[in-house]
């Protein structure tokens, strides 16, 4: 007697409908996850279209043109500066050998560990009137006051461009370096044989080959500049992002804030489309089975020293200066490490980041696996759309989360009060739940990118063999996929956690009263010019950021490129698309 006749439930006739139901369940779960991630963006659009008090005409007649032009100028300047520093250093590291190259190729990633707002505090402290640079100038030249000399104004839009460019150029550097090193050395050797010099090799060969990567990295930097709040608020630069805070918190008009948020989303979507358009035809083919790698040119003497200094400058500006200034304040004011609130802020940061990372990666796992199992095209179509949350600034997501969530919170509290006579308070917005939701939506693209990349690396024969042995979809996931994906899942958890620790705008808008994280504590103390108390929290944030940099440095540049692009370019293209 066969096993199927002994156990009718496992016969092929009953197994197929059961398997079909399980697949439909996974598909439905994928659609529900995608819908939940997109709801805050849809809420922003709905609030903007149905404001309780429409102040859009007033905004357009007064502040919107200034906000818009400042934002565009800030994004363009940041993109240009990041492209120059990132592409230049990538060319030097990929194509030349010079003193210090081995450690500079990794050190050039270090500014990723420093939030841009920390760089702004450090630069202002270093170059302001009371900073060491101007004090030294007055001592050397005998100047008595600021009227005796001219010095560039630090708290200004150009300074914000410098800070953001120094913090964001690694996106351009990493993508460009990969684009150059993936090329066969034959193209460069032919150009040299035809008499092309170093400058011609860069302009006529290197730039055309790396152009899609440069444009993609610059677009990422521009999107980050549009989303920034900490730098522009500290430097007093009025952008669309600061306009959300002003309109919502000072003018108490959520509809106007949502309308400004929609303007930001429009800019970010245009930049994301430009990034995808720039690399739509980018393919890196090998012309031979065993192509020769790029042979680096040895630079000695003055040329080697200049190359070393050119690569060391952005590292100094984006990492060494912020860390040095903040560490000096931490050492000069050790009481900052024992001030009230630092330990609580650290605990809040850790549990918020851990919860958000677990929820984000877990939901990404459900959605990616459900989309792969689904016979319908809808989950697969929704997958790239869900990554738009990473393109949205934290302030935009805060508008789309807090307003609907607050309304739901009040209704739940009123219903519970009517049923039990006990007022539970605001369960969702009165705790860290809203912040976790914002983190999940904001960084969902990171988890999705890590999980999808892990699924693609598993041979299809393994899950097929597991199914032939009687495993259902859940069993295949537990027995086959998860053991093989542990490294990628861990990487996704780490990257989500690090970004949650550094996130500032969404945390500022969504946190409950008297609730601090390391990022908000750093921002508030630095805004009060109390860098002594801000330094410990800032150093802890940067220490966590170094975990992500160490992860990128331990991987080869090919896998780092894929992970960072899914992380930083908001995964606008479908996962697995060519670079």
Protein backbone atom coordinates (compact mmCIF):
# COMPACT_ATOMS: atom_id res chain seq x y z
CA UNK A 1 0.00 0.00 0.00
CA UNK A 2 1.43 3.41 -0.96
CA UNK A 3 1.97 6.30 1.39
CA UNK A 4 -0.57 8.38 -0.49
CA UNK A 5 -3.29 5.74 0.06
CA UNK A 6 -2.36 5.42 3.75
CA UNK A 7 -2.59 9.18 4.25
CA UNK A 8 -5.28 10.66 1.99
CA UNK A 9 -4.46 14.18 3.15
CA UNK A 10 -1.09 13.93 1.40
CA UNK A 11 -2.41 12.67 -1.92
CA UNK A 12 -1.61 14.78 -5.00
CA UNK A 13 -5.29 15.67 -5.40
CA UNK A 14 -5.46 17.29 -1.97
CA UNK A 15 -1.88 18.59 -1.88
CA UNK A 16 -2.28 20.82 -4.92
CA UNK A 17 -5.27 22.85 -3.58
CA UNK A 18 -3.54 23.16 -0.20
CA UNK A 19 -0.34 24.39 -1.84
CA UNK A 20 -2.35 26.80 -3.97
CA UNK A 21 -4.02 28.20 -0.84
CA UNK A 22 -0.63 28.61 0.87
CA UNK A 23 0.79 30.43 -2.13
CA UNK A 24 -2.22 32.73 -2.23
CA UNK A 25 -1.75 33.43 1.47
CA UNK A 26 1.87 34.45 0.93
CA UNK A 27 0.83 36.57 -2.05
CA UNK A 28 -1.86 38.30 0.00
CA UNK A 29 0.66 38.92 2.80
CA UNK A 30 3.04 40.50 0.31
CA UNK A 31 0.33 42.85 -0.96
CA UNK A 32 -0.67 43.80 2.59
CA UNK A 33 2.94 44.61 3.53
CA UNK A 34 3.38 46.72 0.41
CA UNK A 35 0.12 48.55 1.09
CA UNK A 36 1.15 49.28 4.68
CA UNK A 37 4.49 50.70 3.57
CA UNK A 38 2.83 52.94 0.97
CA UNK A 39 0.05 54.22 3.25
CA UNK A 40 2.04 57.14 4.77
CA UNK A 41 2.94 58.45 1.31
CA UNK A 42 -0.70 58.18 0.22
CA UNK A 43 -1.77 59.89 3.46
CA UNK A 44 0.49 62.85 2.70
CA UNK A 45 -1.10 63.24 -0.72
CA UNK A 46 -4.62 62.97 0.73
CA UNK A 47 -3.94 65.52 3.50
CA UNK A 48 -2.42 67.91 0.96
CA UNK A 49 -5.45 67.60 -1.32
CA UNK A 50 -7.97 68.00 1.55
CA UNK A 51 -6.54 70.59 3.97
CA UNK A 52 -8.73 72.01 6.72
CA UNK A 53 -7.35 75.43 5.86
CA UNK A 54 -5.88 75.83 2.41
CA UNK A 55 -2.88 78.12 2.71
CA UNK A 56 -1.25 77.00 -0.54
CA UNK A 57 -1.97 80.32 -2.33
CA UNK A 58 -0.43 82.17 0.61
CA UNK A 59 2.61 79.88 0.60
CA UNK A 60 3.09 80.37 -3.13
CA UNK A 61 2.85 84.13 -2.77
CA UNK A 62 5.30 84.34 0.13
CA UNK A 63 7.77 81.62 1.14
CA UNK A 64 7.46 78.77 -1.37
CA UNK A 65 9.55 80.36 -4.16
CA UNK A 66 12.36 81.03 -1.70
CA UNK A 67 12.12 77.59 -0.17
CA UNK A 68 12.10 75.95 -3.59
CA UNK A 69 15.02 77.89 -5.06
CA UNK A 70 17.15 77.40 -1.95
CA UNK A 71 16.43 73.65 -1.96
CA UNK A 72 17.29 73.31 -5.65
CA UNK A 73 20.50 75.33 -5.24
CA UNK A 74 21.49 73.30 -2.18
CA UNK A 75 20.86 70.00 -3.97
CA UNK A 76 22.70 71.09 -7.12
CA UNK A 77 25.71 72.35 -5.19
CA UNK A 78 25.87 69.21 -3.08
CA UNK A 79 25.62 66.96 -6.12
CA UNK A 80 28.35 68.87 -7.96
CA UNK A 81 30.73 68.87 -5.00
CA UNK A 82 30.09 65.21 -4.23
CA UNK A 83 30.67 64.32 -7.89
CA UNK A 84 33.98 66.19 -8.00
CA UNK A 85 35.33 64.71 -4.78
CA UNK A 86 33.92 61.23 -5.28
CA UNK A 87 34.83 60.78 -8.94
CA UNK A 88 38.28 62.35 -8.51
CA UNK A 89 39.26 60.17 -5.58
CA UNK A 90 37.80 57.06 -7.24
CA UNK A 91 39.91 57.71 -10.35
CA UNK A 92 43.06 58.16 -8.29
CA UNK A 93 42.47 55.04 -6.19
CA UNK A 94 41.34 52.79 -9.06
CA UNK A 95 43.90 53.84 -11.67
CA UNK A 96 47.00 54.82 -9.70
CA UNK A 97 49.31 53.53 -7.03
CA UNK A 98 50.70 56.13 -4.63
CA UNK A 99 51.82 56.39 -1.01
CA UNK A 100 48.96 55.66 1.40
CA UNK A 101 46.62 54.26 -1.24
CA UNK A 102 45.94 50.99 0.61
CA UNK A 103 44.46 52.70 3.67
CA UNK A 104 42.99 55.69 1.84
CA UNK A 105 40.77 53.46 -0.34
CA UNK A 106 38.99 52.38 2.87
CA UNK A 107 39.32 55.68 4.72
CA UNK A 108 37.40 57.40 1.90
CA UNK A 109 34.32 55.51 3.12
CA UNK A 110 34.63 56.85 6.67
CA UNK A 111 32.42 59.98 6.23
CA UNK A 112 29.45 57.63 5.86
CA UNK A 113 29.74 57.07 9.62
CA UNK A 114 29.32 60.78 10.41
CA UNK A 115 25.79 62.23 10.18
CA UNK A 116 25.82 65.45 8.20
CA UNK A 117 24.39 67.43 11.12
CA UNK A 118 27.36 66.40 13.28
CA UNK A 119 29.67 67.66 10.55
CA UNK A 120 27.82 70.98 10.60
CA UNK A 121 28.30 71.40 14.35
CA UNK A 122 32.00 70.60 14.03
CA UNK A 123 32.64 72.93 11.11
CA UNK A 124 30.85 75.83 12.77
CA UNK A 125 32.72 75.29 16.03
CA UNK A 126 36.05 75.08 14.18
CA UNK A 127 35.62 78.11 11.90
CA UNK A 128 33.27 80.44 13.80
CA UNK A 129 34.44 83.69 15.40
CA UNK A 130 35.11 81.93 18.69
CA UNK A 131 36.70 78.91 17.01
CA UNK A 132 40.41 78.06 16.95
CA UNK A 133 40.98 79.20 13.37
CA UNK A 134 39.78 82.79 13.80
CA UNK A 135 41.34 83.04 17.27
CA UNK A 136 44.70 82.04 15.77
CA UNK A 137 44.31 84.57 12.93
CA UNK A 138 43.56 87.38 15.35
CA UNK A 139 46.57 86.43 17.48
CA UNK A 140 48.94 86.21 14.53
CA UNK A 141 47.93 89.45 12.83
CA UNK A 142 46.95 91.47 15.89
CA UNK A 143 43.34 91.95 14.86
CA UNK A 144 41.13 93.13 17.67
CA UNK A 145 37.62 92.36 16.35
CA UNK A 146 35.69 91.06 13.36
CA UNK A 147 35.67 94.56 11.84
CA UNK A 148 39.44 94.32 11.30
CA UNK A 149 39.28 91.45 8.81
CA UNK A 150 37.00 89.53 6.49
CA UNK A 151 36.13 85.86 6.99
CA UNK A 152 33.52 83.79 5.12
CA UNK A 153 30.20 83.46 6.92
CA UNK A 154 29.98 79.92 8.24
CA UNK A 155 26.27 79.62 8.94
CA UNK A 156 25.21 79.98 5.32
CA UNK A 157 24.03 77.98 2.32
CA UNK A 158 27.56 77.58 0.82
CA UNK A 159 28.80 76.14 4.10
CA UNK A 160 25.84 73.75 4.13
CA UNK A 161 26.84 72.61 0.63
CA UNK A 162 30.40 71.96 1.85
CA UNK A 163 29.19 69.93 4.84
CA UNK A 164 26.71 67.88 2.82
CA UNK A 165 29.17 67.31 -0.01
CA UNK A 166 31.84 66.11 2.42
CA UNK A 167 29.36 63.75 4.09
CA UNK A 168 27.82 62.36 0.89
CA UNK A 169 30.67 62.05 -1.61
CA UNK A 170 31.29 58.37 -0.61
CA UNK A 171 28.19 57.41 -2.60
CA UNK A 172 29.83 58.74 -5.77
CA UNK A 173 33.23 57.36 -4.79
CA UNK A 174 32.01 53.82 -4.21
CA UNK A 175 29.87 53.56 -7.33
CA UNK A 176 32.51 55.18 -9.54
CA UNK A 177 35.34 53.06 -8.20
CA UNK A 178 33.40 49.88 -8.90
CA UNK A 179 32.53 51.09 -12.41
CA UNK A 180 36.21 51.71 -13.15
CA UNK A 181 37.64 48.53 -11.63
CA UNK A 182 35.04 46.35 -13.40
CA UNK A 183 36.34 47.49 -16.76
CA UNK A 184 38.92 45.52 -18.70
CA UNK A 185 42.34 47.13 -18.75
CA UNK A 186 42.43 46.77 -22.53
CA UNK A 187 40.56 50.02 -23.14
CA UNK A 188 43.03 52.01 -21.08
CA UNK A 189 46.03 50.22 -22.59
CA UNK A 190 44.86 51.00 -26.11
CA UNK A 191 44.37 54.65 -25.19
CA UNK A 192 47.89 54.80 -23.74
CA UNK A 193 49.31 53.12 -26.86
CA UNK A 194 47.68 55.81 -29.00
CA UNK A 195 49.51 58.50 -27.06
CA UNK A 196 46.75 59.61 -24.68
CA UNK A 197 48.14 61.32 -21.61
CA UNK A 198 46.90 61.10 -18.05
CA UNK A 199 44.41 63.95 -18.36
CA UNK A 200 43.14 62.67 -21.71
CA UNK A 201 42.82 59.18 -20.25
CA UNK A 202 40.59 60.62 -17.53
CA UNK A 203 38.43 62.88 -19.72
CA UNK A 204 38.19 60.74 -22.86
CA UNK A 205 38.12 57.21 -21.42
CA UNK A 206 37.50 57.21 -17.67
CA UNK A 207 34.67 59.74 -17.50
CA UNK A 208 32.59 58.22 -20.33
CA UNK A 209 32.89 54.76 -18.78
CA UNK A 210 32.03 55.98 -15.28
CA UNK A 211 29.44 58.60 -16.25
CA UNK A 212 26.36 56.53 -15.26
CA UNK A 213 27.89 55.74 -11.89
CA UNK A 214 28.88 59.37 -11.30
CA UNK A 215 25.42 60.64 -12.18
CA UNK A 216 23.77 57.95 -10.04
CA UNK A 217 25.94 58.80 -7.04
CA UNK A 218 25.40 62.53 -7.51
CA UNK A 219 21.63 61.99 -7.71
CA UNK A 220 21.78 60.06 -4.43
CA UNK A 221 23.70 62.91 -2.81
CA UNK A 222 21.18 65.43 -4.12
CA UNK A 223 18.27 63.42 -2.72
CA UNK A 224 19.99 63.29 0.65
CA UNK A 225 20.53 67.06 0.50
CA UNK A 226 16.84 67.62 -0.20
CA UNK A 227 15.96 65.38 2.75
CA UNK A 228 18.38 67.05 5.19
CA UNK A 229 17.07 68.99 8.15
CA UNK A 230 19.85 69.04 10.75
CA UNK A 231 22.42 70.93 8.67
CA UNK A 232 20.09 73.53 7.17
CA UNK A 233 18.31 74.24 10.45
CA UNK A 234 21.61 74.70 12.30
CA UNK A 235 22.98 76.99 9.60
CA UNK A 236 19.72 78.93 9.29
CA UNK A 237 19.10 77.96 5.64
CA UNK A 238 15.41 77.97 4.75
CA UNK A 239 14.51 74.99 2.58
CA UNK A 240 11.35 73.02 1.86
CA UNK A 241 12.24 70.65 4.69
CA UNK A 242 12.52 73.44 7.26
CA UNK A 243 9.28 74.83 5.82
CA UNK A 244 7.48 71.66 6.94
CA UNK A 245 8.63 72.21 10.52
CA UNK A 246 7.70 75.90 10.43
CA UNK A 247 4.27 75.39 8.87
CA UNK A 248 3.35 72.45 11.04
CA UNK A 249 4.83 73.27 14.45
CA UNK A 250 4.68 77.07 14.45
CA UNK A 251 1.67 77.82 12.25
CA UNK A 252 -0.23 74.66 13.33
CA UNK A 253 -1.28 73.90 9.75
CA UNK A 254 -0.89 70.23 8.87
CA UNK A 255 -2.43 70.68 5.41
CA UNK A 256 0.16 73.29 4.46
CA UNK A 257 2.94 71.04 5.75
CA UNK A 258 1.59 68.17 3.65
CA UNK A 259 1.51 70.41 0.58
CA UNK A 260 5.16 71.35 1.09
CA UNK A 261 5.90 67.66 1.63
CA UNK A 262 4.34 66.88 -1.75
CA UNK A 263 6.64 69.45 -3.36
CA UNK A 264 9.63 67.67 -1.78
CA UNK A 265 8.36 64.32 -3.03
CA UNK A 266 8.08 65.72 -6.55
CA UNK A 267 11.72 66.86 -6.47
CA UNK A 268 12.92 63.55 -5.05
CA UNK A 269 10.98 61.54 -7.64
CA UNK A 270 12.52 63.62 -10.43
CA UNK A 271 15.99 63.01 -9.03
CA UNK A 272 15.29 59.29 -8.68
CA UNK A 273 14.08 59.11 -12.28
CA UNK A 274 17.18 61.00 -13.39
CA UNK A 275 19.35 58.50 -11.52
CA UNK A 276 17.63 55.58 -13.18
CA UNK A 277 17.69 57.25 -16.59
CA UNK A 278 21.44 57.82 -16.27
CA UNK A 279 22.13 54.12 -15.84
CA UNK A 280 19.40 52.67 -18.04
CA UNK A 281 21.88 51.52 -20.67
CA UNK A 282 24.81 50.90 -18.34
CA UNK A 283 26.27 47.46 -18.93
CA UNK A 284 29.72 46.24 -18.10
CA UNK A 285 30.61 43.48 -20.54
CA UNK A 286 33.89 41.63 -20.72
CA UNK A 287 35.39 41.54 -24.21
CA UNK A 288 37.30 38.33 -23.54
CA UNK A 289 36.95 35.24 -21.41
CA UNK A 290 39.92 36.26 -19.31
CA UNK A 291 40.08 40.04 -19.46
CA UNK A 292 43.05 41.77 -17.94
CA UNK A 293 42.40 43.87 -14.83
CA UNK A 294 43.18 47.56 -14.87
CA UNK A 295 46.89 48.10 -14.31
CA UNK A 296 47.51 50.99 -11.95
CA UNK A 297 50.05 53.66 -12.81
CA UNK A 298 52.71 54.21 -10.19
CA UNK A 299 52.92 57.81 -8.95
CA UNK A 300 56.11 58.85 -7.23
CA UNK A 301 57.61 62.08 -6.02
CA UNK A 302 55.43 65.19 -6.18
CA UNK A 303 52.73 63.36 -8.15
CA UNK A 304 52.36 60.70 -5.48
CA UNK A 305 52.25 63.28 -2.70
CA UNK A 306 49.60 65.33 -4.52
CA UNK A 307 47.46 62.23 -5.13
CA UNK A 308 47.73 61.28 -1.46
CA UNK A 309 46.75 64.81 -0.35
CA UNK A 310 43.85 64.91 -2.83
CA UNK A 311 42.43 61.71 -1.35
CA UNK A 312 43.18 62.71 2.23
CA UNK A 313 41.39 66.07 1.94
CA UNK A 314 37.79 64.75 1.73
CA UNK A 315 38.54 62.22 4.47
CA UNK A 316 39.81 65.03 6.67
CA UNK A 317 36.85 67.28 5.91
CA UNK A 318 34.18 64.60 6.21
CA UNK A 319 35.54 62.43 9.02
CA UNK A 320 38.71 63.59 10.78
CA UNK A 321 37.49 67.16 11.44
CA UNK A 322 34.06 66.21 12.86
CA UNK A 323 35.46 63.39 14.98
CA UNK A 324 38.36 65.53 16.19
CA UNK A 325 36.22 68.53 17.15
CA UNK A 326 33.56 66.44 18.88
CA UNK A 327 36.17 64.32 20.68
CA UNK A 328 37.94 67.48 21.88
CA UNK A 329 34.72 68.70 23.48
CA UNK A 330 34.06 65.27 24.99
CA UNK A 331 37.53 65.26 26.56
CA UNK A 332 37.36 68.88 27.71
CA UNK A 333 33.97 68.33 29.34
CA UNK A 334 33.95 64.77 30.75
CA UNK A 335 30.90 65.60 32.88
CA UNK A 336 28.87 65.29 29.68
CA UNK A 337 29.13 61.52 29.93
CA UNK A 338 27.26 61.46 33.25
CA UNK A 339 24.69 64.17 32.62
CA UNK A 340 21.07 63.17 33.19
CA UNK A 341 19.32 61.77 30.15
CA UNK A 342 22.27 60.36 28.20
CA UNK A 343 21.75 56.79 29.43
CA UNK A 344 17.99 57.00 28.77
CA UNK A 345 18.60 58.44 25.30
CA UNK A 346 21.01 55.59 24.56
CA UNK A 347 18.47 52.97 25.67
CA UNK A 348 15.71 54.65 23.63
CA UNK A 349 17.95 54.69 20.58
CA UNK A 350 18.91 51.03 20.95
CA UNK A 351 15.44 49.66 21.42
CA UNK A 352 13.89 51.84 18.72
CA UNK A 353 16.57 50.84 16.23
CA UNK A 354 16.39 47.15 17.19
CA UNK A 355 12.60 47.02 16.93
CA UNK A 356 12.58 48.88 13.63
CA UNK A 357 15.32 46.65 12.19
CA UNK A 358 13.53 43.43 13.18
CA UNK A 359 10.16 44.61 11.88
CA UNK A 360 11.62 46.00 8.66
CA UNK A 361 13.63 42.91 7.74
CA UNK A 362 10.80 40.61 8.82
CA UNK A 363 8.23 42.39 6.67
CA UNK A 364 10.69 42.56 3.77
CA UNK A 365 11.18 38.79 4.04
CA UNK A 366 7.41 38.21 3.91
CA UNK A 367 6.93 40.53 0.95
CA UNK A 368 9.85 39.28 -1.16
CA UNK A 369 9.04 35.62 -0.53
CA UNK A 370 5.35 36.19 -1.18
CA UNK A 371 6.10 38.02 -4.42
CA UNK A 372 8.30 35.14 -5.57
CA UNK A 373 5.61 32.57 -4.83
CA UNK A 374 2.72 34.56 -6.24
CA UNK A 375 1.26 33.75 -9.63
CA UNK A 376 -0.08 37.30 -9.79
CA UNK A 377 1.98 40.20 -11.10
CA UNK A 378 0.65 42.65 -8.49
CA UNK A 379 3.13 41.83 -5.68
CA UNK A 380 6.06 42.00 -8.09
CA UNK A 381 4.83 45.34 -9.43
CA UNK A 382 4.47 46.72 -5.90
CA UNK A 383 7.97 45.68 -4.80
CA UNK A 384 9.91 48.54 -6.45
CA UNK A 385 7.16 51.02 -5.52
CA UNK A 386 7.50 50.28 -1.81
CA UNK A 387 11.07 51.60 -1.85
CA UNK A 388 9.79 55.14 -2.43
CA UNK A 389 9.67 55.50 1.35
CA UNK A 390 13.46 55.68 1.42
CA UNK A 391 13.29 58.50 -1.10
CA UNK A 392 10.94 60.44 1.15
CA UNK A 393 12.53 62.67 3.80
CA UNK A 394 11.78 61.83 7.41
CA UNK A 395 9.74 65.01 7.83
CA UNK A 396 7.48 63.98 4.95
CA UNK A 397 6.85 60.56 6.45
CA UNK A 398 6.17 62.14 9.83
CA UNK A 399 3.32 64.14 8.28
CA UNK A 400 1.82 61.02 6.72
CA UNK A 401 2.16 58.95 9.89
CA UNK A 402 1.42 61.24 12.80
CA UNK A 403 -1.82 62.84 11.62
CA UNK A 404 -3.71 59.61 10.71
CA UNK A 405 -2.16 57.74 13.64
CA UNK A 406 -3.16 60.47 16.10
CA UNK A 407 -6.75 60.35 14.89
CA UNK A 408 -6.78 56.56 15.28
CA UNK A 409 -5.14 56.84 18.68
CA UNK A 410 -7.81 59.21 19.99
CA UNK A 411 -10.63 56.98 18.73
CA UNK A 412 -9.12 53.90 20.35
CA UNK A 413 -8.64 55.77 23.63
CA UNK A 414 -12.22 57.09 23.56
CA UNK A 415 -13.63 53.64 22.81
CA UNK A 416 -11.60 52.06 25.59
CA UNK A 417 -12.69 54.79 28.01
CA UNK A 418 -16.34 54.23 27.08
CA UNK A 419 -16.06 50.46 27.59
CA UNK A 420 -13.98 50.30 30.76
CA UNK A 421 -14.13 53.77 32.28
CA UNK A 422 -10.33 53.88 32.24
CA UNK A 423 -8.39 56.29 30.01
CA UNK A 424 -5.41 54.40 28.49
CA UNK A 425 -3.83 57.54 27.07
CA UNK A 426 -2.27 57.73 23.63
CA UNK A 427 -1.01 54.22 23.02
CA UNK A 428 0.43 54.75 19.55
CA UNK A 429 1.59 58.37 19.40
CA UNK A 430 2.34 58.59 23.12
CA UNK A 431 5.00 55.89 22.86
CA UNK A 432 7.73 55.09 20.38
CA UNK A 433 5.36 53.18 18.10
CA UNK A 434 5.01 56.05 15.63
CA UNK A 435 8.79 56.43 15.43
CA UNK A 436 9.23 52.71 14.73
CA UNK A 437 6.60 52.90 11.98
CA UNK A 438 8.40 55.85 10.40
CA UNK A 439 11.71 53.98 10.52
CA UNK A 440 10.12 50.92 8.92
CA UNK A 441 8.71 52.91 6.01
CA UNK A 442 11.83 55.06 5.65
CA UNK A 443 14.30 52.18 5.53
CA UNK A 444 12.18 49.40 4.06
CA UNK A 445 14.23 49.55 0.85
CA UNK A 446 17.34 48.48 2.77
CA UNK A 447 15.70 45.34 4.14
CA UNK A 448 14.06 44.56 0.83
CA UNK A 449 17.32 44.95 -1.07
CA UNK A 450 19.24 42.69 1.30
CA UNK A 451 16.55 40.00 1.35
CA UNK A 452 15.93 40.01 -2.40
CA UNK A 453 19.64 39.81 -3.14
CA UNK A 454 19.89 36.84 -0.75
CA UNK A 455 17.02 35.00 -2.45
CA UNK A 456 18.63 35.39 -5.86
CA UNK A 457 21.82 33.71 -4.62
CA UNK A 458 20.00 30.50 -3.58
CA UNK A 459 19.98 27.87 -6.30
CA UNK A 460 16.38 27.07 -7.44
CA UNK A 461 17.15 23.35 -7.25
CA UNK A 462 17.36 23.45 -3.44
CA UNK A 463 13.78 24.65 -2.73
CA UNK A 464 12.50 22.37 -5.50
CA UNK A 465 14.13 19.40 -3.81
CA UNK A 466 12.62 20.40 -0.46
CA UNK A 467 9.14 20.63 -2.01
CA UNK A 468 9.55 17.23 -3.63
CA UNK A 469 10.25 15.83 -0.17
CA UNK A 470 6.95 17.19 1.13
CA UNK A 471 7.93 20.58 2.55
CA UNK A 472 5.35 23.31 2.21
CA UNK A 473 6.22 26.95 1.48
CA UNK A 474 6.80 27.83 5.12
CA UNK A 475 8.92 24.73 5.62
CA UNK A 476 11.05 25.55 2.58
CA UNK A 477 11.63 29.03 3.94
CA UNK A 478 12.69 27.71 7.36
CA UNK A 479 14.73 24.72 6.22
CA UNK A 480 16.35 26.00 3.03
CA UNK A 481 16.28 29.75 2.55
CA UNK A 482 16.84 31.12 6.05
CA UNK A 483 19.96 29.04 6.86
CA UNK A 484 21.52 30.14 3.57
CA UNK A 485 20.49 33.78 4.02
CA UNK A 486 21.70 34.38 7.56
CA UNK A 487 24.56 36.61 6.45
CA UNK A 488 22.37 38.80 4.24
CA UNK A 489 19.65 39.01 6.87
CA UNK A 490 22.24 40.09 9.43
CA UNK A 491 23.62 42.69 7.03
CA UNK A 492 20.13 44.08 6.45
CA UNK A 493 19.47 44.26 10.19
CA UNK A 494 22.75 46.09 10.73
CA UNK A 495 22.21 48.66 7.98
CA UNK A 496 18.63 49.39 9.05
CA UNK A 497 19.70 49.72 12.69
CA UNK A 498 22.52 52.15 11.82
CA UNK A 499 20.26 54.38 9.73
CA UNK A 500 17.63 54.40 12.47
CA UNK A 501 20.23 55.58 14.98
CA UNK A 502 21.20 58.52 12.72
CA UNK A 503 17.67 59.53 11.65
CA UNK A 504 16.77 63.01 12.92
CA UNK A 505 13.73 64.73 11.27
CA UNK A 506 11.21 61.91 11.75
CA UNK A 507 12.34 61.39 15.33
CA UNK A 508 12.04 65.09 16.15
CA UNK A 509 8.47 65.26 14.86
CA UNK A 510 7.16 61.92 16.12
CA UNK A 511 8.77 61.49 19.53
CA UNK A 512 6.56 61.76 22.62
CA UNK A 513 7.01 64.55 25.11
CA UNK A 514 10.28 64.40 27.06
CA UNK A 515 11.54 61.52 24.91
CA UNK A 516 15.09 61.68 23.58
CA UNK A 517 17.31 59.62 21.32
CA UNK A 518 21.01 60.12 20.69
CA UNK A 519 20.26 62.01 17.47
CA UNK A 520 17.71 64.39 19.02
CA UNK A 521 19.89 64.93 22.09
CA UNK A 522 22.86 65.82 19.87
CA UNK A 523 20.75 68.21 17.80
CA UNK A 524 19.13 69.98 20.74
CA UNK A 525 22.34 70.43 22.74
CA UNK A 526 24.26 71.61 19.68
CA UNK A 527 21.47 74.04 18.74
CA UNK A 528 21.97 75.61 22.17
CA UNK A 529 25.73 75.82 21.48
CA UNK A 530 26.31 73.26 24.24
CA UNK A 531 28.72 70.99 22.40
CA UNK A 532 30.14 69.71 25.68
CA UNK A 533 26.88 67.92 26.44
CA UNK A 534 26.21 67.13 22.77
CA UNK A 535 29.60 65.48 22.23
CA UNK A 536 28.99 62.14 24.03
CA UNK A 537 25.76 61.46 22.15
CA UNK A 538 27.37 62.49 18.85
CA UNK A 539 30.32 60.18 19.43
CA UNK A 540 28.00 57.27 20.18
CA UNK A 541 26.06 57.92 16.97
CA UNK A 542 29.30 57.97 14.97
CA UNK A 543 30.51 54.79 16.67
CA UNK A 544 27.37 53.01 15.52
CA UNK A 545 27.85 54.45 12.03
CA UNK A 546 31.32 52.93 11.90
CA UNK A 547 29.70 49.49 12.12
CA UNK A 548 28.13 50.01 8.71
CA UNK A 549 31.39 51.34 7.27
CA UNK A 550 33.26 48.33 8.66
CA UNK A 551 30.70 46.05 7.05
CA UNK A 552 31.20 47.71 3.67
CA UNK A 553 34.97 47.59 4.07
CA UNK A 554 34.94 43.85 4.87
CA UNK A 555 32.99 43.01 1.72
CA UNK A 556 34.45 43.18 -1.74
CA UNK A 557 33.55 46.28 -3.72
CA UNK A 558 31.27 44.37 -6.05
CA UNK A 559 28.91 43.17 -3.33
CA UNK A 560 29.26 46.50 -1.52
CA UNK A 561 28.11 48.27 -4.64
CA UNK A 562 24.95 46.18 -4.89
CA UNK A 563 24.14 46.58 -1.20
CA UNK A 564 24.83 50.30 -1.10
CA UNK A 565 22.89 51.01 -4.27
CA UNK A 566 19.85 49.26 -2.87
CA UNK A 567 20.42 51.15 0.36
CA UNK A 568 21.20 54.58 -1.00
CA UNK A 569 19.52 54.95 -4.37
CA UNK A 570 16.19 53.87 -2.82
CA UNK A 571 16.13 50.82 -5.09
CA UNK A 572 14.01 52.69 -7.66
CA UNK A 573 14.89 50.06 -10.25
CA UNK A 574 13.81 46.48 -9.63
CA UNK A 575 16.32 44.50 -7.57
CA UNK A 576 18.85 42.70 -9.68
CA UNK A 577 18.91 45.31 -12.45
CA UNK A 578 22.36 45.98 -13.92
CA UNK A 579 24.48 48.75 -12.52
